[in-house]
Amino acid sequence: MKTETLTKKNSHTLNGFSIEDIGDDHLFTSLDTPMKPNAFDMSDKEKKERIAILFSEIMDVLGLDLTDDSLQGTPDRVAKMYIEEIFSGLDPKNKPKVALFDNKYQYNQMLVEKDITFYSNCEHHFVPIIGKAHVAYISSGKVIGLSKLNRIVQYYAKRPQVQERLTQQIAHELRTVLGTEDVAIIIDAKHLCVSSRGVKDDTSSTVTTYYGGAFNTPEKINELQNYINN
């Protein structure tokens, strides 16, 4: 097995707090997912090969026997899963192509796509975030295919995430695509970094919201909540 010598980067501070001080706090520093400028210089094939090597080293450090029939294919399986599935939303080439259609029905009320199931991963511990997204918009003259709402949610979920950023990214994408500020996003999710480790609270969930344009009124918020809860 190929091994490499890795050095730990020096700890740094944020707003006067060290990484250790911040601990398990929900933290994100920008709307954009933090990416290196050369993030896509490597091909998917090269990335899978390198991830497999590095994951083999993690397993070896943990003391696992990589010659065992059950484990020897694990590094390759993990590498393929990372690139093709659970982190595929990092690559812009996987962004869903969205076609808009004229609102010929002249439907000028809110459209709500609720209970969109998604799976993401916490960028702080790389463990799953499992939740549902509720997406709503009011047409400004164009409409989007219903399945594309699901695909936009999935695209931004399939990357290391923080729920607050995920909410904002979905909202920003829909505002841009639809050409309207009248967009609302509600996400209700369970974080395994909370339930399976750390505080080990299996009953709590996290709710984040975005209300833009016409949705940013008590009346519209109540109407949307009624649709979602019924």
Protein backbone atom coordinates (compact mmCIF):
# COMPACT_ATOMS: atom_id res chain seq x y z
CA MET A 1 0.00 0.00 0.00
CA LYS A 2 1.34 3.43 -0.90
CA THR A 3 1.72 5.71 2.08
CA GLU A 4 2.41 9.40 2.23
CA THR A 5 3.71 11.66 4.96
CA LEU A 6 1.11 14.25 5.87
CA THR A 7 1.72 17.28 8.05
CA LYS A 8 -0.98 18.98 10.07
CA LYS A 9 -1.62 22.58 9.10
CA ASN A 10 -1.03 25.15 11.78
CA SER A 11 -4.12 26.08 13.75
CA HIS A 12 -5.51 29.53 13.08
CA THR A 13 -8.05 31.76 14.74
CA LEU A 14 -11.35 33.24 13.62
CA ASN A 15 -12.69 36.33 15.36
CA GLY A 16 -10.21 35.63 18.13
CA PHE A 17 -11.34 32.03 18.66
CA SER A 18 -9.25 28.97 17.87
CA ILE A 19 -10.61 25.92 16.04
CA GLU A 20 -10.72 24.17 19.42
CA ASP A 21 -12.69 27.07 20.94
CA ILE A 22 -15.21 26.99 18.12
CA GLY A 23 -15.65 23.25 18.60
CA ASP A 24 -18.99 21.98 17.32
CA ASP A 25 -20.52 25.40 16.68
CA HIS A 26 -22.32 25.85 13.39
CA LEU A 27 -20.00 28.06 11.40
CA PHE A 28 -19.77 29.14 7.80
CA THR A 29 -17.75 31.97 6.34
CA SER A 30 -19.35 32.67 2.94
CA LEU A 31 -22.28 31.96 0.64
CA ASP A 32 -19.97 30.08 -1.73
CA THR A 33 -18.70 26.64 -0.83
CA PRO A 34 -14.97 27.10 -0.01
CA MET A 35 -13.10 25.77 -3.04
CA LYS A 36 -9.48 25.94 -4.18
CA PRO A 37 -8.82 27.83 -7.46
CA ASN A 38 -7.43 24.62 -8.99
CA ALA A 39 -10.23 22.37 -7.69
CA PHE A 40 -10.93 20.90 -11.12
CA ASP A 41 -7.44 20.55 -12.54
CA MET A 42 -7.55 16.84 -11.71
CA SER A 43 -9.85 14.54 -13.65
CA ASP A 44 -12.51 12.52 -11.81
CA LYS A 45 -10.45 9.39 -12.48
CA GLU A 46 -7.35 10.94 -10.91
CA LYS A 47 -9.33 12.15 -7.92
CA LYS A 48 -10.76 8.68 -7.31
CA GLU A 49 -7.31 7.11 -7.48
CA ARG A 50 -5.85 9.59 -5.00
CA ILE A 51 -8.81 9.39 -2.59
CA ALA A 52 -8.55 5.60 -2.61
CA ILE A 53 -4.85 5.81 -1.65
CA LEU A 54 -5.50 8.30 1.13
CA PHE A 55 -8.53 6.45 2.48
CA SER A 56 -6.49 3.25 2.53
CA GLU A 57 -4.04 5.07 4.78
CA ILE A 58 -6.84 6.17 7.12
CA MET A 59 -8.07 2.59 7.38
CA ASP A 60 -4.52 1.38 7.97
CA VAL A 61 -3.98 3.93 10.76
CA LEU A 62 -7.23 2.73 12.36
CA GLY A 63 -5.73 -0.75 12.42
CA LEU A 64 -8.03 -2.36 9.85
CA ASP A 65 -6.79 -5.31 7.81
CA LEU A 66 -6.96 -4.21 4.18
CA THR A 67 -6.24 -7.74 2.98
CA ASP A 68 -9.59 -8.92 4.35
CA ASP A 69 -12.09 -9.79 1.58
CA SER A 70 -14.69 -7.46 3.08
CA LEU A 71 -12.37 -4.44 3.35
CA GLN A 72 -9.96 -4.58 0.43
CA GLY A 73 -12.40 -2.93 -1.99
CA THR A 74 -13.54 -0.25 0.48
CA PRO A 75 -11.09 2.53 -0.50
CA ASP A 76 -12.15 2.32 -4.15
CA ARG A 77 -15.83 2.20 -3.18
CA VAL A 78 -15.47 5.26 -0.96
CA ALA A 79 -13.59 7.16 -3.67
CA LYS A 80 -16.27 6.40 -6.25
CA MET A 81 -19.03 7.35 -3.80
CA TYR A 82 -17.36 10.67 -2.97
CA ILE A 83 -16.88 11.76 -6.58
CA GLU A 84 -19.95 10.32 -8.30
CA GLU A 85 -22.54 10.55 -5.54
CA ILE A 86 -22.43 12.30 -2.19
CA PHE A 87 -20.04 15.11 -3.19
CA SER A 88 -21.01 15.35 -6.87
CA GLY A 89 -22.52 18.78 -6.23
CA LEU A 90 -19.03 20.26 -5.91
CA ASP A 91 -18.51 19.95 -9.66
CA PRO A 92 -20.29 22.60 -11.81
CA LYS A 93 -20.61 20.11 -14.65
CA ASN A 94 -23.24 18.30 -12.56
CA LYS A 95 -25.38 21.40 -12.10
CA PRO A 96 -28.90 20.68 -13.40
CA LYS A 97 -29.84 22.32 -16.67
CA VAL A 98 -32.99 24.34 -16.12
CA ALA A 99 -35.53 25.21 -18.81
CA LEU A 100 -38.09 27.93 -18.18
CA PHE A 101 -41.58 28.02 -19.63
CA ASP A 102 -44.06 30.82 -20.10
CA ASN A 103 -46.68 31.03 -17.37
CA LYS A 104 -49.50 30.54 -19.87
CA TYR A 105 -51.97 29.62 -17.14
CA GLN A 106 -51.41 33.04 -15.58
CA TYR A 107 -51.06 31.35 -12.20
CA ASN A 108 -50.00 34.18 -9.90
CA GLN A 109 -50.19 32.52 -6.49
CA MET A 110 -47.42 30.71 -4.66
CA LEU A 111 -46.28 27.34 -5.94
CA VAL A 112 -45.00 25.06 -3.20
CA GLU A 113 -42.93 21.91 -3.61
CA LYS A 114 -42.77 20.45 -0.12
CA ASP A 115 -41.03 17.52 1.57
CA ILE A 116 -38.08 17.29 -0.82
CA THR A 117 -35.90 14.68 0.87
CA PHE A 118 -32.17 15.33 0.70
CA TYR A 119 -28.94 13.88 2.09
CA SER A 120 -25.95 16.10 2.65
CA ASN A 121 -22.79 15.99 4.77
CA CYS A 122 -21.65 18.28 7.55
CA GLU A 123 -18.46 20.02 6.44
CA HIS A 124 -17.15 20.05 10.03
CA HIS A 125 -17.20 16.28 10.64
CA PHE A 126 -18.13 14.73 7.25
CA VAL A 127 -21.14 12.90 8.69
CA PRO A 128 -24.66 12.98 7.18
CA ILE A 129 -27.26 15.70 7.33
CA ILE A 130 -30.69 14.22 6.57
CA GLY A 131 -33.65 16.46 5.99
CA LYS A 132 -36.52 17.86 3.99
CA ALA A 133 -36.63 21.07 2.00
CA HIS A 134 -39.77 23.05 1.21
CA VAL A 135 -39.43 25.35 -1.80
CA ALA A 136 -41.90 28.02 -2.93
CA TYR A 137 -41.99 30.79 -5.50
CA ILE A 138 -44.40 33.18 -7.19
CA SER A 139 -43.99 33.38 -10.95
CA SER A 140 -42.79 36.63 -12.52
CA GLY A 141 -43.93 35.36 -15.92
CA LYS A 142 -41.87 32.17 -16.14
CA VAL A 143 -42.24 28.78 -14.48
CA ILE A 144 -39.82 25.93 -13.89
CA GLY A 145 -40.41 22.17 -14.20
CA LEU A 146 -41.29 20.70 -10.80
CA SER A 147 -38.55 18.07 -10.91
CA LYS A 148 -35.96 20.80 -11.40
CA LEU A 149 -36.80 22.19 -7.96
CA ASN A 150 -35.84 18.80 -6.51
CA ARG A 151 -32.68 18.65 -8.62
CA ILE A 152 -31.52 22.10 -7.52
CA VAL A 153 -31.94 21.08 -3.88
CA GLN A 154 -30.03 17.84 -4.49
CA TYR A 155 -27.21 19.59 -6.36
CA TYR A 156 -26.42 21.97 -3.53
CA ALA A 157 -26.94 19.28 -0.89
CA LYS A 158 -24.39 16.94 -2.48
CA ARG A 159 -21.32 18.65 -1.09
CA PRO A 160 -19.85 19.26 2.36
CA GLN A 161 -22.37 21.72 3.76
CA VAL A 162 -23.63 23.93 6.52
CA GLN A 163 -27.41 24.14 6.61
CA GLU A 164 -27.48 27.93 6.64
CA ARG A 165 -25.37 28.06 3.48
CA LEU A 166 -27.43 25.34 1.80
CA THR A 167 -30.59 27.38 2.40
CA GLN A 168 -29.03 30.52 0.95
CA GLN A 169 -27.54 28.73 -2.07
CA ILE A 170 -30.87 27.21 -3.07
CA ALA A 171 -32.61 30.56 -2.65
CA HIS A 172 -29.93 32.39 -4.66
CA GLU A 173 -30.14 29.85 -7.50
CA LEU A 174 -33.93 30.07 -7.73
CA ARG A 175 -33.93 33.87 -7.61
CA THR A 176 -31.39 33.92 -10.43
CA VAL A 177 -33.09 31.30 -12.59
CA LEU A 178 -36.64 32.58 -12.15
CA GLY A 179 -35.79 36.27 -12.24
CA THR A 180 -37.78 37.04 -9.13
CA GLU A 181 -37.19 37.85 -5.47
CA ASP A 182 -40.43 36.04 -4.57
CA VAL A 183 -38.78 32.85 -3.34
CA ALA A 184 -39.04 31.01 -0.02
CA ILE A 185 -36.99 28.10 1.35
CA ILE A 186 -37.55 26.15 4.56
CA ILE A 187 -35.19 23.34 5.53
CA ASP A 188 -35.74 20.99 8.47
CA ALA A 189 -32.85 18.60 9.01
CA LYS A 190 -31.22 16.25 11.47
CA HIS A 191 -27.44 16.47 11.84
CA LEU A 192 -25.63 13.26 12.72
CA CYS A 193 -22.75 15.34 14.09
CA VAL A 194 -25.24 16.26 16.82
CA SER A 195 -27.12 12.98 17.20
CA SER A 196 -24.39 10.34 16.74
CA ARG A 197 -21.46 12.11 18.42
CA GLY A 198 -20.72 15.15 20.54
CA VAL A 199 -23.82 16.06 22.53
CA LYS A 200 -25.58 12.91 21.20
CA ASP A 201 -29.04 14.49 21.02
CA ASP A 202 -31.16 12.28 18.78
CA THR A 203 -34.42 14.23 19.14
CA SER A 204 -33.54 17.74 17.98
CA SER A 205 -33.60 19.03 14.43
CA THR A 206 -32.46 22.27 12.83
CA VAL A 207 -34.75 24.60 10.86
CA THR A 208 -33.47 27.34 8.56
CA THR A 209 -35.55 29.69 6.40
CA TYR A 210 -35.30 32.19 3.60
CA TYR A 211 -38.21 34.52 2.79
CA GLY A 212 -37.68 36.82 -0.17
CA GLY A 213 -39.82 39.47 -1.83
CA ALA A 214 -43.56 38.92 -1.40
CA PHE A 215 -42.89 36.03 0.99
CA ASN A 216 -41.34 38.35 3.57
CA THR A 217 -44.67 39.29 5.17
CA PRO A 218 -46.47 37.67 8.12
CA GLU A 219 -49.46 36.85 5.91
CA LYS A 220 -47.44 35.01 3.26
CA ILE A 221 -45.32 33.24 5.86
CA ASN A 222 -48.46 31.97 7.59
CA GLU A 223 -49.97 30.88 4.27
CA LEU A 224 -46.81 28.98 3.36
CA GLN A 225 -46.64 27.34 6.79
CA ASN A 226 -50.25 26.21 6.43
CA TYR A 227 -49.49 24.56 3.07
CA ILE A 228 -46.47 22.77 4.50
CA ASN A 229 -48.14 21.58 7.69
CA ASN A 230 -51.36 20.31 6.05
